[in-house]
Protein backbone atom coordinates (compact mmCIF):
# COMPACT_ATOMS: atom_id res chain seq x y z
CA UNK A 1 0.00 0.00 0.00
CA UNK A 2 2.71 2.50 0.96
CA UNK A 3 5.51 0.70 -0.85
CA UNK A 4 6.06 3.51 -3.33
CA UNK A 5 6.33 6.26 -0.66
CA UNK A 6 9.89 7.29 0.26
CA UNK A 7 10.98 6.76 3.86
CA UNK A 8 11.98 10.42 4.23
CA UNK A 9 8.30 11.42 4.17
CA UNK A 10 7.59 8.99 7.03
CA UNK A 11 10.40 10.52 9.07
CA UNK A 12 9.16 14.06 8.37
CA UNK A 13 5.57 13.17 9.27
CA UNK A 14 6.73 11.47 12.46
CA UNK A 15 8.68 14.59 13.42
CA UNK A 16 5.69 16.86 12.71
CA UNK A 17 3.35 14.60 14.68
CA UNK A 18 5.80 14.52 17.59
CA UNK A 19 6.07 18.32 17.68
CA UNK A 20 2.29 18.61 17.53
CA UNK A 21 1.86 16.25 20.48
CA UNK A 22 4.52 18.07 22.51
CA UNK A 23 2.90 21.43 21.80
CA UNK A 24 -0.57 20.18 22.75
CA UNK A 25 0.72 18.55 25.94
CA UNK A 26 2.59 21.69 27.02
CA UNK A 27 -0.40 23.88 26.25
CA UNK A 28 -2.79 21.70 28.22
CA UNK A 29 -0.40 21.52 31.17
CA UNK A 30 -0.04 25.32 31.11
CA UNK A 31 -3.81 25.74 31.17
CA UNK A 32 -4.12 23.24 34.01
CA UNK A 33 -1.40 25.01 36.02
CA UNK A 34 -3.05 28.41 35.51
CA UNK A 35 -6.41 27.03 36.65
CA UNK A 36 -4.79 25.45 39.70
CA UNK A 37 -3.10 28.75 40.58
CA UNK A 38 -6.35 30.70 40.20
CA UNK A 39 -8.30 28.14 42.25
CA UNK A 40 -5.71 28.27 45.04
CA UNK A 41 -5.88 32.06 44.99
CA UNK A 42 -9.67 31.91 45.29
CA UNK A 43 -9.50 29.56 48.26
CA UNK A 44 -6.86 31.71 50.00
CA UNK A 45 -8.88 34.87 49.39
CA UNK A 46 -12.03 33.29 50.83
CA UNK A 47 -10.08 32.05 53.84
CA UNK A 48 -8.54 35.48 54.44
CA UNK A 49 -11.91 37.20 54.04
CA UNK A 50 -13.44 34.86 56.59
CA UNK A 51 -10.64 35.51 59.07
CA UNK A 52 -10.91 39.28 58.61
CA UNK A 53 -14.66 39.19 59.15
CA UNK A 54 -14.24 37.18 62.35
CA UNK A 55 -11.55 39.38 63.88
CA UNK A 56 -12.28 42.86 62.54
CA UNK A 57 -16.07 43.19 62.49
CA UNK A 58 -18.48 42.99 65.42
CA UNK A 59 -21.44 40.92 64.23
CA UNK A 60 -23.87 38.67 66.08
CA UNK A 61 -22.79 35.04 66.31
CA UNK A 62 -25.74 33.80 64.22
CA UNK A 63 -24.92 36.17 61.35
CA UNK A 64 -21.24 35.31 61.59
CA UNK A 65 -21.99 31.58 61.43
CA UNK A 66 -24.32 32.08 58.43
CA UNK A 67 -21.72 34.19 56.62
CA UNK A 68 -19.01 31.59 57.22
CA UNK A 69 -21.28 28.88 55.80
CA UNK A 70 -21.97 31.00 52.71
CA UNK A 71 -18.25 31.67 52.22
CA UNK A 72 -17.39 28.00 52.61
CA UNK A 73 -20.15 27.03 50.14
CA UNK A 74 -18.99 29.51 47.49
CA UNK A 75 -16.05 27.49 46.12
CA UNK A 76 -17.98 24.21 45.61
CA UNK A 77 -20.93 26.10 44.08
CA UNK A 78 -18.55 27.91 41.70
CA UNK A 79 -16.93 24.57 40.75
CA UNK A 80 -20.34 23.05 40.01
CA UNK A 81 -21.38 26.13 38.06
CA UNK A 82 -18.27 25.93 35.88
CA UNK A 83 -18.69 22.23 35.19
CA UNK A 84 -22.34 21.40 34.64
CA UNK A 85 -24.42 23.96 36.47
CA UNK A 86 -24.96 24.53 40.15
CA UNK A 87 -28.24 24.21 42.01
CA UNK A 88 -29.41 26.01 45.11
CA UNK A 89 -30.36 22.62 46.57
CA UNK A 90 -26.67 22.08 47.29
CA UNK A 91 -26.56 25.12 49.61
CA UNK A 92 -28.55 24.37 52.74
CA UNK A 93 -27.68 27.63 54.49
CA UNK A 94 -30.05 29.65 52.28
CA UNK A 95 -33.15 27.73 53.25
CA UNK A 96 -36.08 27.36 50.87
CA UNK A 97 -35.80 29.74 47.93
CA UNK A 98 -38.37 29.43 45.15
CA UNK A 99 -36.40 31.49 42.62
CA UNK A 100 -33.93 29.68 40.35
CA UNK A 101 -31.07 32.06 39.45
CA UNK A 102 -29.04 31.77 36.25
CA UNK A 103 -25.72 32.34 38.00
CA UNK A 104 -25.81 30.62 41.38
CA UNK A 105 -22.38 31.87 42.66
CA UNK A 106 -23.40 35.50 42.10
CA UNK A 107 -26.74 34.86 43.75
CA UNK A 108 -24.97 33.27 46.70
CA UNK A 109 -22.72 36.28 47.15
CA UNK A 110 -25.57 38.76 46.77
CA UNK A 111 -27.68 37.02 49.45
CA UNK A 112 -24.90 37.26 52.00
CA UNK A 113 -25.56 40.98 52.53
C-alpha atoms as a PDB file:
ATOM      1  CA  UNK A   1       0.000   0.000   0.000  1.00  0.00           C
ATOM      2  CA  UNK A   2       2.711   2.500   0.961  1.00  0.00           C
ATOM      3  CA  UNK A   3       5.510   0.697  -0.848  1.00  0.00           C
ATOM      4  CA  UNK A   4       6.062   3.506  -3.330  1.00  0.00           C
ATOM      5  CA  UNK A   5       6.334   6.262  -0.662  1.00  0.00           C
ATOM      6  CA  UNK A   6       9.891   7.292   0.260  1.00  0.00           C
ATOM      7  CA  UNK A   7      10.983   6.763   3.855  1.00  0.00           C
ATOM      8  CA  UNK A   8      11.981  10.420   4.226  1.00  0.00           C
ATOM      9  CA  UNK A   9       8.303  11.420   4.174  1.00  0.00           C
ATOM     10  CA  UNK A  10       7.586   8.989   7.033  1.00  0.00           C
ATOM     11  CA  UNK A  11      10.405  10.515   9.068  1.00  0.00           C
ATOM     12  CA  UNK A  12       9.163  14.057   8.370  1.00  0.00           C
ATOM     13  CA  UNK A  13       5.568  13.172   9.266  1.00  0.00           C
ATOM     14  CA  UNK A  14       6.730  11.474  12.461  1.00  0.00           C
ATOM     15  CA  UNK A  15       8.682  14.589  13.415  1.00  0.00           C
ATOM     16  CA  UNK A  16       5.695  16.860  12.711  1.00  0.00           C
ATOM     17  CA  UNK A  17       3.348  14.605  14.680  1.00  0.00           C
ATOM     18  CA  UNK A  18       5.801  14.517  17.589  1.00  0.00           C
ATOM     19  CA  UNK A  19       6.066  18.321  17.676  1.00  0.00           C
ATOM     20  CA  UNK A  20       2.289  18.614  17.527  1.00  0.00           C
ATOM     21  CA  UNK A  21       1.858  16.249  20.476  1.00  0.00           C
ATOM     22  CA  UNK A  22       4.524  18.073  22.510  1.00  0.00           C
ATOM     23  CA  UNK A  23       2.903  21.431  21.797  1.00  0.00           C
ATOM     24  CA  UNK A  24      -0.570  20.185  22.747  1.00  0.00           C
ATOM     25  CA  UNK A  25       0.724  18.553  25.941  1.00  0.00           C
ATOM     26  CA  UNK A  26       2.591  21.686  27.024  1.00  0.00           C
ATOM     27  CA  UNK A  27      -0.402  23.883  26.248  1.00  0.00           C
ATOM     28  CA  UNK A  28      -2.794  21.699  28.217  1.00  0.00           C
ATOM     29  CA  UNK A  29      -0.403  21.520  31.171  1.00  0.00           C
ATOM     30  CA  UNK A  30      -0.042  25.318  31.110  1.00  0.00           C
ATOM     31  CA  UNK A  31      -3.806  25.743  31.174  1.00  0.00           C
ATOM     32  CA  UNK A  32      -4.124  23.241  34.012  1.00  0.00           C
ATOM     33  CA  UNK A  33      -1.402  25.011  36.025  1.00  0.00           C
ATOM     34  CA  UNK A  34      -3.046  28.411  35.511  1.00  0.00           C
ATOM     35  CA  UNK A  35      -6.409  27.032  36.647  1.00  0.00           C
ATOM     36  CA  UNK A  36      -4.793  25.446  39.699  1.00  0.00           C
ATOM     37  CA  UNK A  37      -3.104  28.748  40.584  1.00  0.00           C
ATOM     38  CA  UNK A  38      -6.351  30.699  40.198  1.00  0.00           C
ATOM     39  CA  UNK A  39      -8.298  28.143  42.255  1.00  0.00           C
ATOM     40  CA  UNK A  40      -5.711  28.271  45.040  1.00  0.00           C
ATOM     41  CA  UNK A  41      -5.882  32.061  44.992  1.00  0.00           C
ATOM     42  CA  UNK A  42      -9.675  31.915  45.286  1.00  0.00           C
ATOM     43  CA  UNK A  43      -9.495  29.561  48.264  1.00  0.00           C
ATOM     44  CA  UNK A  44      -6.858  31.706  50.000  1.00  0.00           C
ATOM     45  CA  UNK A  45      -8.878  34.868  49.392  1.00  0.00           C
ATOM     46  CA  UNK A  46     -12.034  33.289  50.826  1.00  0.00           C
ATOM     47  CA  UNK A  47     -10.082  32.052  53.844  1.00  0.00           C
ATOM     48  CA  UNK A  48      -8.536  35.479  54.444  1.00  0.00           C
ATOM     49  CA  UNK A  49     -11.905  37.198  54.035  1.00  0.00           C
ATOM     50  CA  UNK A  50     -13.444  34.856  56.585  1.00  0.00           C
ATOM     51  CA  UNK A  51     -10.642  35.513  59.074  1.00  0.00           C
ATOM     52  CA  UNK A  52     -10.912  39.284  58.610  1.00  0.00           C
ATOM     53  CA  UNK A  53     -14.657  39.195  59.154  1.00  0.00           C
ATOM     54  CA  UNK A  54     -14.238  37.175  62.355  1.00  0.00           C
ATOM     55  CA  UNK A  55     -11.547  39.378  63.879  1.00  0.00           C
ATOM     56  CA  UNK A  56     -12.281  42.858  62.543  1.00  0.00           C
ATOM     57  CA  UNK A  57     -16.070  43.194  62.492  1.00  0.00           C
ATOM     58  CA  UNK A  58     -18.480  42.991  65.418  1.00  0.00           C
ATOM     59  CA  UNK A  59     -21.440  40.918  64.233  1.00  0.00           C
ATOM     60  CA  UNK A  60     -23.872  38.667  66.079  1.00  0.00           C
ATOM     61  CA  UNK A  61     -22.792  35.037  66.307  1.00  0.00           C
ATOM     62  CA  UNK A  62     -25.741  33.804  64.221  1.00  0.00           C
ATOM     63  CA  UNK A  63     -24.916  36.166  61.352  1.00  0.00           C
ATOM     64  CA  UNK A  64     -21.241  35.306  61.591  1.00  0.00           C
ATOM     65  CA  UNK A  65     -21.989  31.585  61.432  1.00  0.00           C
ATOM     66  CA  UNK A  66     -24.320  32.080  58.433  1.00  0.00           C
ATOM     67  CA  UNK A  67     -21.717  34.185  56.616  1.00  0.00           C
ATOM     68  CA  UNK A  68     -19.007  31.594  57.223  1.00  0.00           C
ATOM     69  CA  UNK A  69     -21.282  28.882  55.800  1.00  0.00           C
ATOM     70  CA  UNK A  70     -21.968  30.998  52.713  1.00  0.00           C
ATOM     71  CA  UNK A  71     -18.249  31.670  52.223  1.00  0.00           C
ATOM     72  CA  UNK A  72     -17.388  27.996  52.606  1.00  0.00           C
ATOM     73  CA  UNK A  73     -20.149  27.033  50.142  1.00  0.00           C
ATOM     74  CA  UNK A  74     -18.990  29.507  47.487  1.00  0.00           C
ATOM     75  CA  UNK A  75     -16.050  27.492  46.122  1.00  0.00           C
ATOM     76  CA  UNK A  76     -17.985  24.212  45.607  1.00  0.00           C
ATOM     77  CA  UNK A  77     -20.925  26.103  44.078  1.00  0.00           C
ATOM     78  CA  UNK A  78     -18.548  27.908  41.703  1.00  0.00           C
ATOM     79  CA  UNK A  79     -16.933  24.573  40.755  1.00  0.00           C
ATOM     80  CA  UNK A  80     -20.338  23.050  40.011  1.00  0.00           C
ATOM     81  CA  UNK A  81     -21.379  26.129  38.057  1.00  0.00           C
ATOM     82  CA  UNK A  82     -18.267  25.932  35.879  1.00  0.00           C
ATOM     83  CA  UNK A  83     -18.691  22.233  35.192  1.00  0.00           C
ATOM     84  CA  UNK A  84     -22.341  21.402  34.637  1.00  0.00           C
ATOM     85  CA  UNK A  85     -24.417  23.960  36.473  1.00  0.00           C
ATOM     86  CA  UNK A  86     -24.962  24.529  40.153  1.00  0.00           C
ATOM     87  CA  UNK A  87     -28.237  24.212  42.014  1.00  0.00           C
ATOM     88  CA  UNK A  88     -29.410  26.006  45.109  1.00  0.00           C
ATOM     89  CA  UNK A  89     -30.365  22.619  46.570  1.00  0.00           C
ATOM     90  CA  UNK A  90     -26.666  22.081  47.290  1.00  0.00           C
ATOM     91  CA  UNK A  91     -26.560  25.122  49.612  1.00  0.00           C
ATOM     92  CA  UNK A  92     -28.554  24.367  52.738  1.00  0.00           C
ATOM     93  CA  UNK A  93     -27.678  27.630  54.489  1.00  0.00           C
ATOM     94  CA  UNK A  94     -30.046  29.646  52.280  1.00  0.00           C
ATOM     95  CA  UNK A  95     -33.148  27.728  53.253  1.00  0.00           C
ATOM     96  CA  UNK A  96     -36.080  27.363  50.872  1.00  0.00           C
ATOM     97  CA  UNK A  97     -35.804  29.739  47.933  1.00  0.00           C
ATOM     98  CA  UNK A  98     -38.368  29.426  45.147  1.00  0.00           C
ATOM     99  CA  UNK A  99     -36.401  31.485  42.625  1.00  0.00           C
ATOM    100  CA  UNK A 100     -33.933  29.685  40.349  1.00  0.00           C
ATOM    101  CA  UNK A 101     -31.074  32.056  39.447  1.00  0.00           C
ATOM    102  CA  UNK A 102     -29.036  31.768  36.250  1.00  0.00           C
ATOM    103  CA  UNK A 103     -25.721  32.344  38.001  1.00  0.00           C
ATOM    104  CA  UNK A 104     -25.808  30.621  41.384  1.00  0.00           C
ATOM    105  CA  UNK A 105     -22.379  31.870  42.662  1.00  0.00           C
ATOM    106  CA  UNK A 106     -23.398  35.503  42.098  1.00  0.00           C
ATOM    107  CA  UNK A 107     -26.742  34.862  43.746  1.00  0.00           C
ATOM    108  CA  UNK A 108     -24.973  33.267  46.704  1.00  0.00           C
ATOM    109  CA  UNK A 109     -22.717  36.276  47.148  1.00  0.00           C
ATOM    110  CA  UNK A 110     -25.574  38.756  46.769  1.00  0.00           C
ATOM    111  CA  UNK A 111     -27.675  37.019  49.446  1.00  0.00           C
ATOM    112  CA  UNK A 112     -24.899  37.262  52.001  1.00  0.00           C
ATOM    113  CA  UNK A 113     -25.564  40.975  52.533  1.00  0.00           C
END
